[in-house]
Protein backbone atom coordinates (compact mmCIF):
# COMPACT_ATOMS: atom_id res chain seq x y z
CA ARG A 1 39.62 60.42 195.41
CA ILE A 2 40.97 63.97 196.42
CA MET A 3 40.66 66.55 193.76
CA ALA A 4 43.39 68.77 192.06
CA SER A 5 41.29 72.01 192.87
CA THR A 6 41.38 71.36 196.51
CA ILE A 7 44.88 71.61 197.07
CA GLY A 8 45.89 74.87 197.51
CA ALA A 9 48.89 73.55 200.19
CA SER A 10 47.38 70.62 200.76
CA ASN A 11 49.35 68.48 203.05
CA VAL A 12 47.26 65.20 202.64
CA SER A 13 48.21 62.03 203.27
CA VAL A 14 48.70 59.39 200.22
CA THR A 15 48.96 56.05 200.64
CA ALA A 16 50.51 53.70 198.30
CA ALA A 17 47.72 51.98 197.74
CA GLN A 18 46.01 55.66 196.88
CA LEU A 19 48.97 56.08 194.70
CA ALA A 20 48.58 53.03 192.74
CA GLN A 21 44.92 53.87 191.67
CA GLN A 22 45.35 56.72 190.41
CA PRO A 23 47.06 56.98 186.85
CA ASN A 24 47.60 60.35 186.61
CA TRP A 25 49.20 60.82 190.24
CA ILE A 26 52.66 61.26 190.16
CA VAL A 27 55.48 61.63 192.66
CA VAL A 28 57.85 64.39 192.47
CA ASP A 29 60.75 64.82 195.77
CA ASN A 30 57.40 63.39 197.93
CA HIS A 31 54.81 65.68 196.07
CA VAL A 32 51.70 63.89 194.79
CA LEU A 33 50.56 65.63 191.97
CA ASP A 34 47.59 65.56 189.52
CA ILE A 35 48.75 65.57 186.19
CA ALA A 36 45.65 64.35 183.90
CA LYS A 37 44.64 68.24 182.77
CA PHE A 38 48.69 69.53 182.60
CA ALA A 39 49.72 66.54 180.97
CA SER A 40 48.53 67.82 177.13
CA ILE A 41 49.87 70.95 177.47
CA HIS A 42 53.15 70.22 178.87
CA PRO A 43 56.06 71.78 177.30
CA GLY A 44 58.00 68.69 176.48
CA GLY A 45 54.57 66.51 175.42
CA ALA A 46 52.56 64.38 177.35
CA HIS A 47 54.56 61.30 176.27
CA VAL A 48 57.19 61.85 178.76
CA PHE A 49 54.61 60.08 181.67
CA ALA A 50 53.92 57.02 179.87
CA ASN A 51 56.79 55.36 182.43
CA PHE A 52 54.79 56.95 185.47
CA ARG A 53 51.11 56.81 184.50
CA ALA A 54 52.17 52.78 183.53
CA GLY A 55 53.22 52.50 187.39
CA ALA A 56 56.10 53.66 188.14
CA ASN A 57 55.07 56.86 190.11
CA ASP A 58 58.06 58.63 191.28
CA ALA A 59 59.00 60.74 189.00
CA THR A 60 61.66 62.84 191.04
CA ALA A 61 64.96 61.88 189.26
CA ALA A 62 63.44 62.61 186.10
CA PHE A 63 61.63 66.01 187.25
CA PHE A 64 65.39 67.50 188.89
CA ALA A 65 67.33 66.37 185.75
CA LEU A 66 65.13 68.55 183.83
CA HIS A 67 64.22 71.28 185.87
CA THR A 68 65.10 73.19 189.00
CA THR A 69 62.99 73.56 192.20
CA ASP A 70 61.66 76.94 191.35
CA VAL A 71 59.94 75.14 188.65
CA LEU A 72 58.07 72.78 191.16
CA ARG A 73 57.06 75.49 193.44
CA LYS A 74 55.49 76.67 190.33
CA TYR A 75 52.73 74.34 189.69
CA ILE A 76 52.41 72.63 193.50
CA PRO A 77 49.84 75.21 194.26
CA ARG A 78 47.65 74.16 191.06
CA LEU A 79 48.88 70.33 191.04
CA ARG A 80 49.90 69.07 194.78
CA VAL A 81 46.80 66.65 196.39
CA GLY A 82 49.20 65.77 198.95
CA VAL A 83 52.08 64.14 200.64
CA LEU A 84 53.11 60.65 200.32
CA GLU A 85 52.56 58.53 203.63
CA GLY A 86 55.03 58.66 205.76
CA ALA A 87 57.21 61.15 203.98
CA GLN A 88 58.55 64.99 204.24
CA ALA A 89 57.27 67.22 201.16
CA ASN A 90 60.47 69.55 200.40
CA ASP A 91 59.75 72.48 198.46
CA ALA A 92 63.01 74.08 199.51
CA PRO A 93 66.29 74.76 197.51
CA SER A 94 67.18 71.07 196.36
CA SER A 95 70.89 69.32 196.53
CA ARG A 96 69.62 67.73 193.41
CA ASP A 97 69.18 70.80 191.11
CA PHE A 98 71.82 70.91 188.20
CA VAL A 99 73.17 67.43 189.11
CA ASN A 100 73.66 66.39 185.90
CA PRO A 101 73.43 70.01 183.41
CA VAL A 102 72.21 68.01 180.28
CA GLY A 103 69.15 66.51 181.92
CA LEU A 104 68.60 62.77 180.53
CA ALA A 105 69.24 61.76 177.27
CA PRO A 106 66.94 61.26 174.20
CA SER A 107 67.77 57.35 175.58
CA GLU A 108 67.15 57.95 179.09
CA ARG A 109 64.19 60.16 179.14
CA PRO A 110 60.72 58.62 180.09
CA GLY A 111 58.81 57.22 177.31
CA TYR A 112 62.26 57.02 174.85
CA ALA A 113 62.32 53.32 177.00
CA THR A 114 61.43 51.47 174.20
CA SER A 115 63.47 53.11 171.26
CA PRO A 116 65.00 50.74 168.75
CA TYR A 117 67.23 52.96 168.02
CA TYR A 118 69.25 52.40 171.41
CA ASN A 119 70.12 49.01 173.01
CA ALA A 120 72.11 47.54 176.29
CA SER A 121 74.92 48.67 174.02
CA HIS A 122 73.84 52.28 174.64
CA ALA A 123 73.19 52.32 178.07
CA ALA A 124 76.64 50.71 179.32
CA PHE A 125 78.65 53.03 176.23
CA ARG A 126 76.84 55.90 178.18
CA LYS A 127 77.86 55.06 182.10
CA VAL A 128 81.71 54.67 180.56
CA VAL A 129 81.75 57.56 178.57
CA ARG A 130 79.77 59.81 181.09
CA LYS A 131 82.43 58.92 184.04
CA PHE A 132 85.52 59.57 181.61
CA THR A 133 84.46 62.89 180.86
CA GLN A 134 83.74 64.05 184.84
CA THR A 135 86.81 62.19 186.10
CA GLU A 136 89.12 62.77 184.19
CA ILE A 137 88.27 66.09 181.88
CA ARG A 138 86.19 67.91 183.58
CA ASP A 139 88.93 69.61 185.56
CA GLU A 140 90.99 71.18 182.68
CA ALA A 141 88.12 71.37 180.90
CA LEU A 142 86.69 74.12 183.29
CA ALA A 143 90.48 75.56 184.01
CA ASN A 144 91.01 76.00 180.18
CA ASP A 145 87.82 76.92 179.10
CA VAL A 146 88.42 80.21 181.14
CA THR A 147 91.90 80.93 180.88
CA GLY A 148 91.75 79.52 176.50
CA LYS A 149 94.70 77.62 177.73
CA ALA A 150 94.92 74.66 174.51
CA PRO A 151 94.50 71.52 175.58
CA SER A 152 97.51 69.78 177.63
CA SER A 153 99.61 67.38 175.61
CA GLU A 154 98.78 64.87 178.06
CA MET A 155 95.33 64.88 177.90
CA PHE A 156 95.47 63.93 174.07
CA GLU A 157 97.26 61.33 175.30
CA LYS A 158 95.55 60.42 177.51
CA LEU A 159 92.69 60.26 175.23
CA GLY A 160 94.17 58.65 172.97
CA ALA A 161 95.42 55.29 174.92
CA HIS A 162 91.69 55.11 175.89
CA GLY A 163 89.52 55.41 172.87
CA TYR A 164 88.25 58.57 172.54
CA LEU A 165 90.08 59.84 169.91
CA ALA A 166 89.22 57.48 167.30
CA LEU A 167 85.35 57.45 168.50
CA ARG A 168 85.70 61.05 167.08
CA LEU A 169 86.94 59.34 163.48
CA GLY A 170 82.89 59.00 163.99
CA PRO A 171 81.26 55.40 162.71
CA SER A 172 83.48 54.15 159.43
CA PRO A 173 84.21 51.18 157.37
CA VAL A 174 88.17 52.35 157.82
CA LEU A 175 87.42 52.30 161.81
CA ALA A 176 88.39 48.65 162.21
CA ALA A 177 91.28 48.62 160.01
CA VAL A 178 93.13 51.74 161.61
CA TYR A 179 92.01 51.51 165.43
CA PRO A 180 91.52 47.40 166.12
CA GLY A 181 91.10 47.87 169.88
CA PRO A 182 88.23 47.73 171.47
CA LEU A 183 86.47 51.21 171.69
CA PRO A 184 85.61 52.84 175.75
CA GLY A 185 82.41 50.35 176.84
CA GLY A 186 84.13 47.17 174.93
CA ILE A 187 81.85 48.77 171.90
CA LYS A 188 83.20 46.97 168.83
CA ALA A 189 84.41 49.58 165.79
CA SER A 190 82.10 47.50 163.44
CA GLU A 191 78.90 47.77 166.29
CA TYR A 192 80.08 51.73 166.80
CA ASP A 193 77.26 53.73 165.46
CA TYR A 194 75.83 57.30 164.96
CA PHE A 195 73.68 56.93 168.22
CA HIS A 196 77.01 55.82 169.80
CA GLU A 197 78.65 59.11 168.58
CA LEU A 198 75.68 60.75 169.56
CA ILE A 199 75.94 59.98 173.06
CA VAL A 200 79.57 61.00 173.15
CA ALA A 201 78.86 64.69 172.01
CA GLU A 202 76.07 64.86 174.36
CA GLU A 203 78.85 64.16 177.57
CA LEU A 204 81.08 66.37 176.24
CA ALA A 205 78.55 68.84 176.60
CA THR A 206 77.62 67.83 180.04
CA LEU A 207 81.51 69.83 180.80
CA GLY A 208 79.81 73.43 179.38
CA THR A 209 83.12 74.15 178.14
CA PRO A 210 82.53 74.28 173.92
CA GLY A 211 85.90 75.94 172.94
CA TYR A 212 88.14 73.50 175.17
CA ALA A 213 85.56 70.29 174.27
CA ASP A 214 86.38 71.81 170.31
CA GLY A 215 89.95 71.28 171.09
CA ILE A 216 90.02 68.05 172.50
CA GLY A 217 88.90 66.36 169.28
CA GLY A 218 86.81 69.34 166.30
CA GLY A 219 89.96 69.52 164.67
CA LEU A 220 90.02 65.57 164.43
CA SER A 221 86.24 64.76 163.82
CA ILE A 222 86.80 66.92 160.67
CA GLY A 223 89.81 66.26 159.73
CA LEU A 224 91.00 63.20 159.84
CA PRO A 225 88.36 61.45 157.83
CA PRO A 226 89.60 62.39 154.92
CA VAL A 227 92.95 61.20 155.48
CA ALA A 228 91.11 57.88 156.80
CA MET A 229 89.07 57.78 153.75
CA PHE A 230 91.02 59.29 150.76
CA GLY A 231 94.60 59.06 151.45
CA THR A 232 97.04 56.68 150.58
CA ASP A 233 97.94 53.54 152.42
CA ALA A 234 101.66 55.00 153.29
CA LEU A 235 100.16 58.04 153.87
CA ARG A 236 97.06 56.24 156.83
CA ARG A 237 99.64 54.21 157.99
CA LYS A 238 101.73 56.78 158.68
CA VAL A 239 99.29 59.75 160.04
CA LEU A 240 96.45 57.51 161.86
CA PRO A 241 97.90 56.16 164.64
CA GLU A 242 100.04 59.60 165.44
CA VAL A 243 97.13 61.24 165.44
CA LEU A 244 94.97 58.45 167.27
CA SER A 245 97.55 58.01 169.70
CA GLY A 246 97.15 61.16 170.60
CA LYS A 247 101.28 62.65 169.81
CA LYS A 248 100.06 64.90 166.58
CA LYS A 249 96.90 67.22 165.89
CA ILE A 250 95.44 67.58 162.95
CA CYS A 251 92.66 70.11 161.95
CA LEU A 252 90.77 71.02 158.68
CA ALA A 253 91.71 74.14 156.41
CA ILE A 254 88.62 74.54 153.91
CA SER A 255 87.10 77.92 155.24
CA GLU A 256 89.17 81.65 154.14
CA ALA A 257 88.54 85.43 154.04
CA GLY A 258 86.53 85.71 151.14
CA ALA A 259 85.42 81.65 151.12
CA GLY A 260 83.61 80.18 153.66
CA SER A 261 80.37 78.16 152.91
CA ASP A 262 80.89 79.16 149.17
CA VAL A 263 84.03 76.40 148.75
CA ALA A 264 84.09 76.10 145.47
CA ASN A 265 86.05 79.48 145.42
CA ILE A 266 88.53 79.15 147.43
CA GLY A 267 91.71 80.78 146.32
CA CYS A 268 94.77 79.07 148.20
CA LYS A 269 96.50 77.51 145.32
CA ALA A 270 99.01 74.67 144.46
CA GLU A 271 101.41 74.81 141.55
CA LEU A 272 102.66 71.46 140.71
CA SER A 273 106.87 72.15 141.45
CA GLU A 274 109.03 71.74 138.23
CA ASP A 275 110.65 68.01 138.96
CA GLY A 276 106.83 66.83 139.83
CA ARG A 277 107.11 65.59 142.43
CA HIS A 278 105.79 68.49 145.23
CA PHE A 279 102.98 70.70 145.11
CA VAL A 280 104.29 74.70 146.06
CA VAL A 281 101.41 75.91 148.59
CA THR A 282 100.60 79.52 148.58
CA GLY A 283 97.41 81.46 150.37
CA ALA A 284 95.75 81.84 153.54
CA LYS A 285 92.83 80.07 155.82
CA LYS A 286 90.37 81.56 158.21
CA TRP A 287 88.96 80.63 161.07
CA ILE A 288 90.39 77.07 161.71
CA THR A 289 89.81 75.13 164.32
CA ASN A 290 92.56 73.63 166.44
CA GLY A 291 94.80 75.66 163.90
CA MET A 292 97.04 76.89 166.44
CA PHE A 293 98.56 73.42 167.66
CA ALA A 294 97.75 71.33 164.96
CA ASP A 295 100.10 69.26 163.01
CA TYR A 296 98.29 68.69 159.96
CA PHE A 297 96.27 70.25 157.82
CA THR A 298 93.66 68.58 155.53
CA THR A 299 93.29 71.58 153.27
CA ALA A 300 91.65 72.99 149.62
CA VAL A 301 93.87 73.85 147.66
CA ARG A 302 93.10 75.12 144.09
CA THR A 303 95.29 73.18 141.22
CA SER A 304 93.50 74.51 138.02
CA GLY A 305 91.07 76.66 136.90
CA PRO A 306 88.20 78.10 138.57
CA GLY A 307 84.88 76.20 140.20
CA MET A 308 85.03 73.06 141.64
CA GLY A 309 86.68 70.88 139.17
CA GLY A 310 89.79 73.31 140.21
CA ILE A 311 90.16 71.75 143.45
CA THR A 312 91.76 69.21 144.63
CA LEU A 313 92.56 68.03 148.86
CA LEU A 314 95.75 67.98 150.08
CA LEU A 315 97.41 66.87 153.75
CA ILE A 316 100.02 69.63 154.78
CA GLU A 317 102.09 69.23 157.67
CA ARG A 318 103.41 71.58 159.52
CA SER A 319 106.63 72.84 158.05
CA GLU A 320 108.50 75.38 156.75
CA GLY A 321 106.44 78.30 155.36
CA VAL A 322 103.33 77.06 157.84
CA SER A 323 102.36 79.76 160.04
CA THR A 324 99.29 80.16 162.61
CA ARG A 325 97.70 83.20 164.21
CA LEU A 326 95.02 83.04 166.97
CA ILE A 327 91.62 84.23 166.32
CA LYS A 328 89.72 85.22 169.04
CA SER A 329 86.37 84.28 168.86
CA MET A 330 83.07 84.63 171.37
CA TYR A 331 83.72 81.05 172.70
CA SER A 332 86.92 79.92 174.19
CA SER A 333 90.25 79.82 172.85
CA SER A 334 91.14 76.45 173.73
CA ALA A 335 89.57 75.50 170.22
CA GLY A 336 92.63 77.27 168.48
CA THR A 337 91.11 79.28 166.04
CA ALA A 338 93.66 80.18 163.81
CA TYR A 339 94.73 82.17 160.74
CA VAL A 340 96.70 80.07 158.58
CA LEU A 341 99.13 81.03 156.04
CA PHE A 342 101.55 79.19 153.83
CA ASP A 343 104.02 80.74 152.43
CA HIS A 344 105.84 78.65 149.47
CA VAL A 345 105.02 75.30 151.51
CA ARG A 346 106.35 72.53 149.72
CA VAL A 347 103.74 69.42 150.05
CA PRO A 348 105.39 66.26 148.65
CA VAL A 349 102.31 64.90 146.06
CA GLU A 350 101.82 61.74 147.27
CA ASN A 351 99.91 63.89 150.25
CA VAL A 352 96.96 64.27 147.70
CA LEU A 353 93.51 62.66 149.02
CA GLY A 354 91.34 61.56 146.70
CA LYS A 355 92.08 62.66 143.02
CA VAL A 356 93.95 65.59 141.86
CA GLY A 357 90.66 68.19 140.58
CA GLN A 358 88.16 66.14 142.68
CA GLY A 359 88.71 67.34 145.97
CA PHE A 360 85.35 68.95 146.09
CA LYS A 361 83.57 65.98 146.42
CA CYS A 362 85.94 64.37 149.25
CA ILE A 363 85.39 67.72 150.62
CA MET A 364 81.18 67.22 150.32
CA PHE A 365 81.62 63.78 151.36
CA ASN A 366 83.45 64.75 154.63
CA PHE A 367 80.66 67.65 155.34
CA ASN A 368 78.16 64.88 155.55
CA HIS A 369 79.80 63.74 158.65
CA GLU A 370 80.73 67.06 159.94
CA ARG A 371 77.26 68.60 160.06
CA TRP A 372 75.88 65.59 161.57
CA VAL A 373 79.05 66.34 164.49
CA MET A 374 77.49 69.95 164.34
CA CYS A 375 74.10 69.82 164.72
CA ALA A 376 74.59 66.94 167.53
CA THR A 377 76.66 68.76 169.42
CA ILE A 378 74.12 71.90 169.11
CA VAL A 379 71.62 70.76 170.31
CA ALA A 380 73.43 68.68 173.40
CA TYR A 381 74.33 72.37 174.07
CA SER A 382 70.79 73.67 173.67
CA ARG A 383 69.80 71.45 176.33
CA VAL A 384 72.15 72.61 178.80
CA LEU A 385 71.35 75.86 178.52
CA LEU A 386 67.17 74.94 179.52
């Protein structure tokens, strides 16, 4: 056996037969590395080497999905036992670097191949979503994320036509009813689960354009589910087709200058009109994602006394008395983050989502999915940065 301690810049030729007899040897860019001691201290854990130890020794693709050539150069002196027979080892900057900036997703990583959470539908779904993201979204995303320009109407309608806006609703008992057609990758709405939705977050993150990515559905993913879950049949029939087709846009308007995470203390008021047919809404919302270009605002308002029991959830359509002003945040203005002002806006009572005075419950229900999407997205972008 060629010992790791003799490596240095070893160019000893290693045959396929020798490689097959060594469970702790792997190949990266034709370098044969002995990871017997290194596996236990690998930052990603020893389990990532499981597949390669089982005989699939070439780890090149997996390595370059998560590391640059500089990392390979760092460990060659310590780990290399030789070079694969008939090949020339390459330690120059590789064209493979950053081909896939997000690296391998959990379902694709060595050691996760037998995960019970991923099946053939997830693999097929990822391929379709990745291709669409890279070929149909990428160019506009890269340009607009820099300039701060909002996603185009054409992009929204393209996303709607191919079912990508429906994906932002997340797994839902109403998804099949509101979007009966097949989802991307041929997935049925009844089969769409949280691991499919995780894939959407991961693939959007590969663009490296968080502001734009939020611009093309961030508001929908948190503003439309309450309409789908708690709106009247008439309201759902009107709003959902408009938004899921990309012809109209929606956002969630909860936060205020003095009430962000303290939702129970919002101050935006909604008073019933004398004829009992409208709520008259007065107040302001702040940091509203997609607010600049939204047509609908799923809005928390105060219809009675203090605390959570006085909150109602209303769907407010952009109309007279609704104005928005851009808030420049730390990421791109493509997200359309806005200060939203409601100045005596008349909203039909039929636009109540759920029941009057029970909006806090609807908001908390909706936050479950919103927080999940945020966590999935943050982890995906963290992997891009790393």
